[in-house]
Amino acid sequence: MRLIRLADEEDFEGWRDAARGLAIAHVPPDQVAWQVGDGPQDLFAEGAAVIEAAEGAFSVPRPFITLAHSVICHSEPQRFSLLYQMLLRLRTRPKALEDGADALVQRLERMAREVRRDMLKMHAFLRFRAVDSGGEGKDGGEQRFIAWFEPDHHIVRSNAGFFVNRFANMHWSILTPELCLHWDGSELTSSPGVTRADAPGGDPVEEVWKTYYASIFNPARLKTGAMLKEMPKKYWKNMPETALVGGLIAGAQAREAEMVKTATARIGDNALPAWEALRAEAKGCTRCHLYKLGTQTVFGEGPVDARIMFVGEQPGDQEDLAGRPFVGPAGQIFDQALAEAGVDRSQTYVTNAVKHFKFERRGKRRIHQKPEGPEIEACRWWIEQERVLIRPPITVALGATAARSLFGKTVTITSMRGKPHILFDGGECWVTVHPSFLLRIPEPARKADEYKRFVDDLGRIRKRLAEIEA
């Protein structure tokens, strides 16, 4: 029996080095005991010989490395052994990971999805609360923020970079039962886990957030189960807005009756002021590093009762300077295509998946750069709030970045184009190309064909809206 000691629960490097040595030595999986720290994980590890990682290297498919990074963070005690079994299989069958019917492959992929889901929930449901330092201590009076979270898996270290990037200028601590993280604006440190009693209570900023949340609360999402799917009750105790849910549910029937009485399809008359508050909040957005690049936040525009919402990729150079979406060259093509398709832009809501201009400077020019996954994820919150307020029957994703933002995963335009897809709240989403795609086509004939196809997409969407509202 070989005993492998790993530094911590998500020690990917330690597992990789040890697994490589074991594989080179042809050690069977049932002859390896994996142990985190000093305490044995099971009885078979007691008395086993501790071995050092052997030298040597061999290649494995890149998707396995990505998969292993996620699976290592799972709470399943057998994860190290399962990954080692897969590693040995890949040495003789390099394409073994492509066998979707294989039980081991299915199990590992399911574990990876559960870890990724847990990480996204930490992004969405963790709430910082202000703690007054009283002007003393090592922070020198700097206000500190503390959050409590209970992850299902060992994701705290892996998620550290997300919170450091998003809240780089804050002094904060994230407390969990397993591990605590502390950021002082320049250095990230960790300490042992604590209990829920060590986390702070509410702070005055929460009252502002509760007011906003109450204005956008949609009881219909409770009926469809969408709210519980997105925000499981497990996380409610950590979030200030969920304290309002009981009262909001109790008043939902009365509000619905009033809607019928006044013959309005909207919940109350607070959509416009709520949208204005959201836009004002977005002006100070620091959810990702792009706020340091762009001139300003470029928020969506259009009537709050728009029946179609268009979502683009990000503002370009002219949009960044003007503070308005789709006013540059791509916006001109967009306006022309809308007109030919019989869609009045002034009656639609137009926004972007990412609210700040990402670019690379070349001399005096600012060259567009495609947003990456973390930047899209950081901005998804704004898109979701815009959709909650406007509640469009049809949302149109202009390009792959917009589609990724709306569906929460990477999709291809080819596979999604030309047909409706249902979003979490029951609204329809149509996918087509971004107008900038048309600008990049050099061949005149192909450009004309693609433009006509784009206009046809918009015309089909207009007809579909008429069917919905008939």
Protein backbone atom coordinates (compact mmCIF):
# COMPACT_ATOMS: atom_id res chain seq x y z
CA MET A 1 0.00 0.00 0.00
CA ARG A 2 1.34 3.45 -0.97
CA LEU A 3 0.36 6.46 1.15
CA ILE A 4 0.18 9.87 -0.53
CA ARG A 5 -0.08 12.94 1.69
CA LEU A 6 -1.61 16.07 0.18
CA ALA A 7 -1.23 19.56 1.63
CA ASP A 8 -4.93 20.43 1.64
CA GLU A 9 -8.32 19.31 0.34
CA GLU A 10 -7.86 20.89 -3.10
CA ASP A 11 -4.11 20.25 -3.55
CA PHE A 12 -4.17 19.72 -7.31
CA GLU A 13 -0.42 20.12 -7.77
CA GLY A 14 0.33 17.61 -5.02
CA TRP A 15 -2.13 15.10 -6.50
CA ARG A 16 -0.78 15.61 -10.02
CA ASP A 17 2.85 15.08 -9.04
CA ALA A 18 2.07 11.99 -6.97
CA ALA A 19 -0.30 10.50 -9.57
CA ARG A 20 2.30 10.97 -12.30
CA GLY A 21 4.90 9.08 -10.29
CA LEU A 22 2.46 6.31 -9.38
CA ALA A 23 1.36 5.92 -13.00
CA ILE A 24 4.97 5.69 -14.21
CA ALA A 25 5.56 3.00 -11.59
CA HIS A 26 2.36 1.17 -12.71
CA VAL A 27 0.89 1.21 -9.20
CA PRO A 28 -2.74 -0.04 -9.23
CA PRO A 29 -5.41 2.29 -7.79
CA ASP A 30 -6.30 -0.15 -5.01
CA GLN A 31 -2.71 0.02 -3.78
CA VAL A 32 -2.81 3.77 -3.14
CA ALA A 33 -4.20 5.55 -0.06
CA TRP A 34 -4.75 9.30 -0.40
CA GLN A 35 -4.49 11.41 2.75
CA VAL A 36 -5.02 15.12 3.38
CA GLY A 37 -2.75 16.53 6.08
CA ASP A 38 -1.60 14.35 8.94
CA GLY A 39 -4.76 12.42 9.73
CA PRO A 40 -5.52 9.25 7.69
CA GLN A 41 -8.70 9.33 5.66
CA ASP A 42 -9.47 5.64 6.14
CA LEU A 43 -8.29 2.58 8.04
CA PHE A 44 -6.36 1.21 5.06
CA ALA A 45 -3.99 4.18 5.18
CA GLU A 46 -2.74 3.34 8.65
CA GLY A 47 0.71 1.82 8.56
CA ALA A 48 1.13 2.45 4.83
CA ALA A 49 4.47 3.53 3.45
CA VAL A 50 4.74 7.20 2.52
CA ILE A 51 6.27 7.75 -0.93
CA GLU A 52 7.64 10.81 -2.66
CA ALA A 53 6.55 11.81 -6.15
CA ALA A 54 8.67 10.11 -8.82
CA GLU A 55 10.33 12.04 -11.61
CA GLY A 56 9.12 11.73 -15.16
CA ALA A 57 6.35 13.06 -17.32
CA PHE A 58 3.79 12.02 -19.90
CA SER A 59 1.04 13.86 -21.71
CA VAL A 60 -2.71 13.66 -21.15
CA PRO A 61 -5.55 15.42 -23.00
CA ARG A 62 -6.01 19.01 -21.90
CA PRO A 63 -9.73 18.47 -21.06
CA PHE A 64 -8.63 16.01 -18.35
CA ILE A 65 -6.53 18.70 -16.66
CA THR A 66 -9.50 21.06 -16.70
CA LEU A 67 -11.76 18.32 -15.36
CA ALA A 68 -9.29 17.38 -12.61
CA HIS A 69 -8.96 20.98 -11.43
CA SER A 70 -12.70 20.99 -10.70
CA VAL A 71 -13.06 17.45 -9.37
CA ILE A 72 -10.21 17.96 -6.87
CA CYS A 73 -12.40 20.56 -5.16
CA HIS A 74 -15.32 18.15 -4.68
CA SER A 75 -16.23 16.94 -1.20
CA GLU A 76 -16.25 13.27 -2.29
CA PRO A 77 -13.44 11.52 -0.29
CA GLN A 78 -12.76 9.13 -3.20
CA ARG A 79 -12.10 11.92 -5.72
CA PHE A 80 -8.29 11.46 -5.69
CA SER A 81 -8.62 7.74 -6.38
CA LEU A 82 -11.26 8.25 -9.07
CA LEU A 83 -9.07 10.75 -10.90
CA TYR A 84 -6.08 8.41 -10.65
CA GLN A 85 -8.16 5.61 -12.17
CA MET A 86 -9.04 7.92 -15.06
CA LEU A 87 -5.41 8.94 -15.46
CA LEU A 88 -4.29 5.31 -15.80
CA ARG A 89 -7.03 4.69 -18.34
CA LEU A 90 -5.93 7.68 -20.43
CA ARG A 91 -2.39 6.33 -20.67
CA THR A 92 -3.60 3.38 -22.72
CA ARG A 93 -6.75 4.98 -24.20
CA PRO A 94 -6.09 8.70 -24.88
CA LYS A 95 -9.68 9.25 -26.03
CA ALA A 96 -11.28 7.51 -23.04
CA LEU A 97 -12.63 10.83 -21.75
CA GLU A 98 -14.76 11.16 -24.90
CA ASP A 99 -16.80 8.08 -23.97
CA GLY A 100 -19.87 9.80 -22.53
CA ALA A 101 -21.49 6.45 -21.70
CA ASP A 102 -18.65 5.35 -19.42
CA ALA A 103 -19.68 5.29 -15.74
CA LEU A 104 -16.40 6.76 -14.47
CA VAL A 105 -16.45 9.58 -17.03
CA GLN A 106 -20.06 10.38 -16.15
CA ARG A 107 -19.27 10.42 -12.43
CA LEU A 108 -16.28 12.73 -12.80
CA GLU A 109 -18.14 15.12 -15.10
CA ARG A 110 -21.07 15.22 -12.67
CA MET A 111 -18.69 16.04 -9.81
CA ALA A 112 -17.08 18.80 -11.88
CA ARG A 113 -20.49 20.31 -12.65
CA GLU A 114 -21.42 20.25 -8.97
CA VAL A 115 -18.21 22.08 -8.08
CA ARG A 116 -18.71 24.71 -10.78
CA ARG A 117 -22.30 25.21 -9.63
CA ASP A 118 -21.12 25.65 -6.04
CA MET A 119 -18.57 28.24 -7.16
CA LEU A 120 -21.22 30.19 -9.08
CA LYS A 121 -23.51 30.11 -6.04
CA MET A 122 -20.70 31.55 -3.95
CA HIS A 123 -20.34 34.35 -6.51
CA ALA A 124 -24.07 35.03 -6.46
CA PHE A 125 -25.13 34.49 -2.86
CA LEU A 126 -22.19 35.67 -0.76
CA ARG A 127 -22.98 39.02 0.89
CA PHE A 128 -20.41 41.31 2.50
CA ARG A 129 -21.47 43.29 5.56
CA ALA A 130 -19.71 46.43 6.68
CA VAL A 131 -17.89 46.33 10.02
CA ASP A 132 -16.76 49.60 11.57
CA SER A 133 -13.12 49.39 12.67
CA GLY A 134 -13.52 52.40 14.93
CA GLY A 135 -10.44 54.10 13.53
CA GLU A 136 -8.03 51.76 15.25
CA GLY A 137 -6.19 48.57 14.47
CA LYS A 138 -4.00 47.46 11.61
CA ASP A 139 -6.36 48.88 8.98
CA GLY A 140 -5.91 52.39 10.37
CA GLY A 141 -9.62 53.11 10.33
CA GLU A 142 -10.27 51.45 6.94
CA GLN A 143 -13.80 50.07 6.84
CA ARG A 144 -13.79 46.29 6.67
CA PHE A 145 -16.34 43.94 5.14
CA ILE A 146 -17.05 40.43 6.32
CA ALA A 147 -19.09 37.69 4.65
CA TRP A 148 -20.22 34.24 5.75
CA PHE A 149 -20.69 31.35 3.34
CA GLU A 150 -21.22 27.59 3.67
CA PRO A 151 -19.97 25.87 0.51
CA ASP A 152 -20.84 22.28 -0.31
CA HIS A 153 -17.37 21.62 -1.68
CA HIS A 154 -13.75 22.73 -1.15
CA ILE A 155 -14.00 25.82 -3.36
CA VAL A 156 -12.88 28.67 -1.11
CA ARG A 157 -9.24 28.85 -2.25
CA SER A 158 -10.22 28.33 -5.89
CA ASN A 159 -12.70 31.20 -5.67
CA ALA A 160 -10.28 33.61 -3.98
CA GLY A 161 -9.15 35.21 -7.25
CA PHE A 162 -12.72 36.09 -8.21
CA PHE A 163 -13.28 38.12 -5.03
CA VAL A 164 -9.80 39.69 -5.07
CA ASN A 165 -10.41 40.96 -8.62
CA ARG A 166 -13.97 42.10 -7.98
CA PHE A 167 -13.34 43.76 -4.61
CA ALA A 168 -9.71 44.74 -5.03
CA ASN A 169 -10.10 48.08 -3.22
CA MET A 170 -12.01 46.70 -0.24
CA HIS A 171 -10.62 45.22 2.96
CA TRP A 172 -12.61 42.04 3.44
CA SER A 173 -12.81 38.61 5.03
CA ILE A 174 -14.75 35.59 3.86
CA LEU A 175 -15.59 33.23 6.71
CA THR A 176 -16.52 29.57 6.12
CA PRO A 177 -16.55 26.48 8.36
CA GLU A 178 -13.48 25.06 6.60
CA LEU A 179 -11.30 28.05 5.75
CA CYS A 180 -11.28 31.85 6.04
CA LEU A 181 -9.79 34.31 3.54
CA HIS A 182 -8.60 37.84 4.36
CA TRP A 183 -7.74 40.61 1.88
CA ASP A 184 -6.14 43.88 3.00
CA GLY A 185 -5.96 45.51 -0.43
CA SER A 186 -2.58 44.03 -1.33
CA GLU A 187 -2.15 40.62 0.31
CA LEU A 188 -4.40 37.59 0.60
CA THR A 189 -4.05 35.43 3.71
CA SER A 190 -6.00 32.52 5.16
CA SER A 191 -6.88 31.17 8.58
CA PRO A 192 -8.77 28.14 9.95
CA GLY A 193 -12.54 27.93 9.59
CA VAL A 194 -14.97 29.42 12.09
CA THR A 195 -18.63 29.09 13.05
CA ARG A 196 -21.64 31.09 11.90
CA ALA A 197 -21.62 32.95 15.23
CA ASP A 198 -18.36 34.66 14.22
CA ALA A 199 -20.01 36.37 11.24
CA PRO A 200 -21.48 39.88 11.63
CA GLY A 201 -25.14 40.88 11.45
CA GLY A 202 -26.66 43.46 9.13
CA ASP A 203 -25.43 46.92 8.19
CA PRO A 204 -27.18 50.14 7.03
CA VAL A 205 -26.41 49.57 3.34
CA GLU A 206 -28.68 46.54 3.42
CA GLU A 207 -31.75 48.75 3.86
CA VAL A 208 -31.06 50.42 0.51
CA TRP A 209 -30.65 47.04 -1.17
CA LYS A 210 -33.87 45.73 0.42
CA THR A 211 -35.78 48.70 -0.96
CA TYR A 212 -34.49 48.00 -4.46
CA TYR A 213 -35.16 44.25 -4.19
CA ALA A 214 -38.76 44.87 -3.09
CA SER A 215 -39.33 47.07 -6.13
CA ILE A 216 -38.28 44.33 -8.59
CA PHE A 217 -39.73 41.30 -6.77
CA ASN A 218 -41.75 39.14 -9.16
CA PRO A 219 -44.06 36.58 -7.45
CA ALA A 220 -44.60 34.79 -10.75
CA ARG A 221 -41.08 33.43 -10.48
CA LEU A 222 -42.08 31.68 -7.25
CA LYS A 223 -44.93 29.93 -9.05
CA THR A 224 -42.67 28.66 -11.80
CA GLY A 225 -40.01 27.55 -9.33
CA ALA A 226 -37.41 29.77 -11.01
CA MET A 227 -36.56 31.66 -7.84
CA LEU A 228 -35.95 28.54 -5.76
CA LYS A 229 -33.87 27.07 -8.55
CA GLU A 230 -31.65 30.14 -8.75
CA MET A 231 -31.61 30.93 -5.03
CA PRO A 232 -31.95 27.70 -2.97
CA LYS A 233 -33.31 28.20 0.54
CA LYS A 234 -29.98 27.01 1.96
CA TYR A 235 -28.50 30.43 1.10
CA TRP A 236 -31.41 32.58 2.26
CA LYS A 237 -30.06 33.06 5.76
CA ASN A 238 -26.95 34.77 4.34
CA MET A 239 -28.83 37.26 2.16
CA PRO A 240 -30.60 40.39 3.43
CA GLU A 241 -33.21 40.52 0.67
CA THR A 242 -34.66 37.09 1.48
CA ALA A 243 -35.95 38.40 4.81
CA LEU A 244 -38.51 40.27 2.70
CA VAL A 245 -39.75 37.26 0.74
CA GLY A 246 -42.40 36.16 3.25
CA GLY A 247 -44.10 39.54 3.30
CA LEU A 248 -43.78 39.96 -0.45
CA ILE A 249 -45.38 36.57 -1.04
CA ALA A 250 -48.20 37.43 1.34
CA GLY A 251 -48.95 40.57 -0.63
CA ALA A 252 -48.58 39.00 -4.05
CA GLN A 253 -52.24 38.00 -4.47
CA ALA A 254 -53.41 41.47 -3.51
CA ARG A 255 -51.06 43.02 -6.04
CA GLU A 256 -52.18 40.61 -8.74
CA ALA A 257 -55.83 41.44 -8.03
CA GLU A 258 -55.00 45.13 -8.33
CA MET A 259 -53.28 44.45 -11.66
CA VAL A 260 -56.43 42.84 -13.03
CA LYS A 261 -58.53 45.67 -11.66
CA THR A 262 -56.45 48.36 -13.35
CA ALA A 263 -55.95 46.30 -16.53
CA THR A 264 -52.18 46.63 -16.47
CA ALA A 265 -49.72 43.89 -17.25
CA ARG A 266 -47.01 45.27 -15.01
CA ILE A 267 -46.48 44.74 -11.28
CA GLY A 268 -47.00 48.19 -9.79
CA ASP A 269 -45.81 51.45 -11.31
CA ASN A 270 -42.24 51.39 -10.04
CA ALA A 271 -40.41 49.93 -13.07
CA LEU A 272 -39.02 53.28 -14.28
CA PRO A 273 -37.69 54.55 -10.92
CA ALA A 274 -36.28 51.08 -10.20
CA TRP A 275 -34.52 51.09 -13.60
CA GLU A 276 -33.16 54.58 -12.96
CA ALA A 277 -31.81 53.42 -9.59
CA LEU A 278 -30.23 50.41 -11.26
CA ARG A 279 -28.58 52.56 -13.92
CA ALA A 280 -27.26 54.94 -11.27
CA GLU A 281 -25.82 52.02 -9.32
CA ALA A 282 -24.19 50.63 -12.46
CA LYS A 283 -22.27 53.88 -12.98
CA GLY A 284 -20.12 52.95 -10.00
CA CYS A 285 -19.74 49.28 -10.96
CA THR A 286 -16.40 47.69 -10.01
CA ARG A 287 -17.47 44.05 -10.41
CA CYS A 288 -14.52 43.35 -12.70
CA HIS A 289 -11.32 45.12 -13.72
CA LEU A 290 -12.79 46.60 -16.91
CA TYR A 291 -14.08 49.64 -15.02
CA LYS A 292 -10.44 50.77 -14.94
CA LEU A 293 -10.27 50.76 -18.76
CA GLY A 294 -13.47 52.30 -20.03
CA THR A 295 -14.41 55.95 -19.87
CA GLN A 296 -17.75 55.14 -18.28
CA THR A 297 -20.36 52.46 -17.75
CA VAL A 298 -22.53 52.11 -20.85
CA PHE A 299 -25.91 51.00 -19.57
CA GLY A 300 -28.91 49.88 -21.61
CA GLU A 301 -31.44 52.30 -23.02
CA GLY A 302 -35.02 52.17 -24.22
CA PRO A 303 -38.53 52.11 -22.75
CA VAL A 304 -38.98 50.01 -19.61
CA ASP A 305 -42.06 48.42 -21.16
CA ALA A 306 -40.19 47.36 -24.31
CA ARG A 307 -41.41 44.08 -25.79
CA ILE A 308 -38.05 43.20 -27.34
CA MET A 309 -34.67 43.44 -25.63
CA PHE A 310 -31.49 43.31 -27.74
CA VAL A 311 -28.28 42.26 -25.99
CA GLY A 312 -24.96 42.94 -27.69
CA GLU A 313 -21.41 42.11 -26.65
CA GLN A 314 -19.90 45.27 -25.16
CA PRO A 315 -19.65 48.99 -25.96
CA GLY A 316 -17.15 49.98 -28.62
CA ASP A 317 -14.96 53.08 -28.82
CA GLN A 318 -17.76 55.47 -29.82
CA GLU A 319 -20.23 53.93 -27.37
CA ASP A 320 -17.71 54.32 -24.56
CA LEU A 321 -17.30 58.01 -25.33
CA ALA A 322 -21.01 58.68 -25.85
CA GLY A 323 -22.23 56.55 -22.93
CA ARG A 324 -24.89 54.94 -25.16
CA PRO A 325 -25.09 51.46 -26.74
CA PHE A 326 -24.95 50.82 -30.50
CA VAL A 327 -24.11 54.30 -31.77
CA GLY A 328 -20.92 53.40 -33.69
CA PRO A 329 -20.46 51.66 -37.06
CA ALA A 330 -22.08 48.43 -35.86
CA GLY A 331 -24.95 50.48 -34.45
CA GLN A 332 -25.54 52.10 -37.84
CA ILE A 333 -25.84 48.70 -39.52
CA PHE A 334 -28.09 47.58 -36.67
CA ASP A 335 -30.41 50.58 -37.16
CA GLN A 336 -30.56 50.02 -40.91
CA ALA A 337 -31.38 46.31 -40.52
CA LEU A 338 -34.06 47.06 -37.92
CA ALA A 339 -35.70 49.54 -40.25
CA GLU A 340 -35.72 47.08 -43.15
CA ALA A 341 -37.19 44.39 -40.88
CA GLY A 342 -39.96 46.71 -39.71
CA VAL A 343 -38.73 47.00 -36.13
CA ASP A 344 -38.82 50.43 -34.45
CA ARG A 345 -35.64 50.73 -32.40
CA SER A 346 -37.18 53.44 -30.22
CA GLN A 347 -39.67 50.83 -28.98
CA THR A 348 -36.97 48.28 -28.09
CA TYR A 349 -34.51 48.06 -25.22
CA VAL A 350 -30.86 47.81 -26.28
CA THR A 351 -28.04 46.85 -23.94
CA ASN A 352 -24.79 44.87 -23.78
CA ALA A 353 -23.62 41.75 -21.97
CA VAL A 354 -20.56 43.68 -20.71
CA LYS A 355 -20.99 47.30 -19.68
CA HIS A 356 -17.43 48.59 -20.04
CA PHE A 357 -15.26 48.89 -23.16
CA LYS A 358 -12.42 46.36 -23.24
CA PHE A 359 -9.65 47.42 -25.55
CA GLU A 360 -5.95 47.35 -26.35
CA ARG A 361 -4.20 50.64 -27.03
CA ARG A 362 -2.22 50.89 -30.28
CA GLY A 363 -0.84 54.38 -30.53
CA LYS A 364 -3.84 56.70 -30.35
CA ARG A 365 -6.30 53.98 -31.30
CA ARG A 366 -8.27 51.78 -28.91
CA ILE A 367 -8.67 48.34 -30.47
CA HIS A 368 -11.62 46.21 -29.35
CA GLN A 369 -10.83 43.06 -27.37
CA LYS A 370 -13.33 40.24 -26.86
CA PRO A 371 -14.54 39.90 -23.24
CA GLU A 372 -13.46 36.76 -21.41
CA GLY A 373 -15.57 34.41 -19.30
CA PRO A 374 -14.97 36.03 -15.89
CA GLU A 375 -15.83 39.47 -17.30
CA ILE A 376 -19.05 38.17 -18.83
CA GLU A 377 -19.98 36.43 -15.57
CA ALA A 378 -19.27 39.57 -13.55
CA CYS A 379 -21.71 41.55 -15.71
CA ARG A 380 -24.45 38.92 -15.84
CA TRP A 381 -25.97 40.42 -12.70
CA TRP A 382 -26.77 43.67 -14.54
CA ILE A 383 -28.36 41.86 -17.50
CA GLU A 384 -30.48 39.76 -15.17
CA GLN A 385 -31.71 42.85 -13.32
CA GLU A 386 -32.51 44.63 -16.58
CA ARG A 387 -34.55 41.63 -17.72
CA VAL A 388 -36.33 41.38 -14.37
CA LEU A 389 -37.40 45.02 -14.60
CA ILE A 390 -38.36 45.10 -18.28
CA ARG A 391 -39.69 41.54 -18.56
CA PRO A 392 -39.53 41.42 -22.38
CA PRO A 393 -41.44 38.59 -24.07
CA ILE A 394 -38.50 38.26 -26.48
CA THR A 395 -34.80 38.78 -25.80
CA VAL A 396 -32.37 38.73 -28.73
CA ALA A 397 -28.75 37.70 -28.26
CA LEU A 398 -26.59 39.51 -30.80
CA GLY A 399 -23.53 37.28 -31.01
CA ALA A 400 -21.93 34.52 -28.97
CA THR A 401 -20.96 36.70 -26.01
CA ALA A 402 -24.53 37.86 -25.50
CA ALA A 403 -25.78 34.28 -25.82
CA ARG A 404 -23.29 33.09 -23.21
CA SER A 405 -24.43 35.81 -20.84
CA LEU A 406 -28.11 34.96 -21.26
CA PHE A 407 -27.80 31.17 -21.14
CA GLY A 408 -24.97 31.00 -18.59
CA LYS A 409 -22.86 28.77 -20.83
CA THR A 410 -21.00 28.82 -24.13
CA VAL A 411 -23.24 28.17 -27.13
CA THR A 412 -22.76 28.39 -30.89
CA ILE A 413 -24.76 30.74 -33.08
CA THR A 414 -25.10 28.07 -35.76
CA SER A 415 -26.87 25.64 -33.44
CA MET A 416 -29.13 28.24 -31.78
CA ARG A 417 -30.02 30.54 -34.66
CA GLY A 418 -33.47 30.79 -36.20
CA LYS A 419 -35.59 29.32 -33.39
CA PRO A 420 -36.83 30.34 -29.95
CA HIS A 421 -35.18 29.15 -26.73
CA ILE A 422 -36.78 29.45 -23.31
CA LEU A 423 -34.93 31.35 -20.59
CA PHE A 424 -35.22 30.71 -16.85
CA ASP A 425 -38.12 33.15 -16.41
CA GLY A 426 -40.17 31.73 -19.28
CA GLY A 427 -39.28 34.43 -21.81
CA GLU A 428 -38.09 33.55 -25.30
CA CYS A 429 -34.55 34.14 -26.49
CA TRP A 430 -33.52 34.29 -30.15
CA VAL A 431 -29.88 34.14 -31.21
CA THR A 432 -28.39 35.84 -34.25
CA VAL A 433 -25.10 37.44 -35.28
CA HIS A 434 -23.71 40.69 -33.92
CA PRO A 435 -23.84 43.56 -36.46
CA SER A 436 -20.05 43.96 -36.14
CA PHE A 437 -19.73 40.51 -37.74
CA LEU A 438 -21.10 42.01 -40.95
CA LEU A 439 -18.48 44.76 -40.86
CA ARG A 440 -15.67 42.22 -40.80
CA ILE A 441 -16.71 40.33 -43.96
CA PRO A 442 -14.40 41.40 -46.80
CA GLU A 443 -16.23 39.78 -49.75
CA PRO A 444 -19.09 42.04 -50.99
CA ALA A 445 -21.30 39.15 -52.14
CA ARG A 446 -20.99 37.25 -48.88
CA LYS A 447 -21.50 40.44 -46.88
CA ALA A 448 -24.75 41.10 -48.76
CA ASP A 449 -25.95 37.54 -48.17
CA GLU A 450 -25.17 37.67 -44.46
CA TYR A 451 -26.81 41.07 -44.09
CA LYS A 452 -29.99 39.78 -45.76
CA ARG A 453 -29.97 36.79 -43.40
CA PHE A 454 -29.61 39.14 -40.43
CA VAL A 455 -32.57 41.23 -41.62
CA ASP A 456 -34.58 38.03 -42.09
CA ASP A 457 -33.79 37.05 -38.49
CA LEU A 458 -35.07 40.39 -37.23
CA GLY A 459 -38.19 40.13 -39.36
CA ARG A 460 -38.90 36.64 -38.04
CA ILE A 461 -38.52 37.95 -34.47
CA ARG A 462 -40.96 40.80 -35.22
CA LYS A 463 -43.53 38.32 -36.53
CA ARG A 464 -43.04 36.06 -33.53
CA LEU A 465 -43.74 38.95 -31.16
CA ALA A 466 -46.97 39.67 -33.03
CA GLU A 467 -47.97 36.01 -32.57
CA ILE A 468 -47.25 36.14 -28.83
CA GLU A 469 -49.30 39.29 -28.32
CA ALA A 470 -52.17 38.31 -30.64
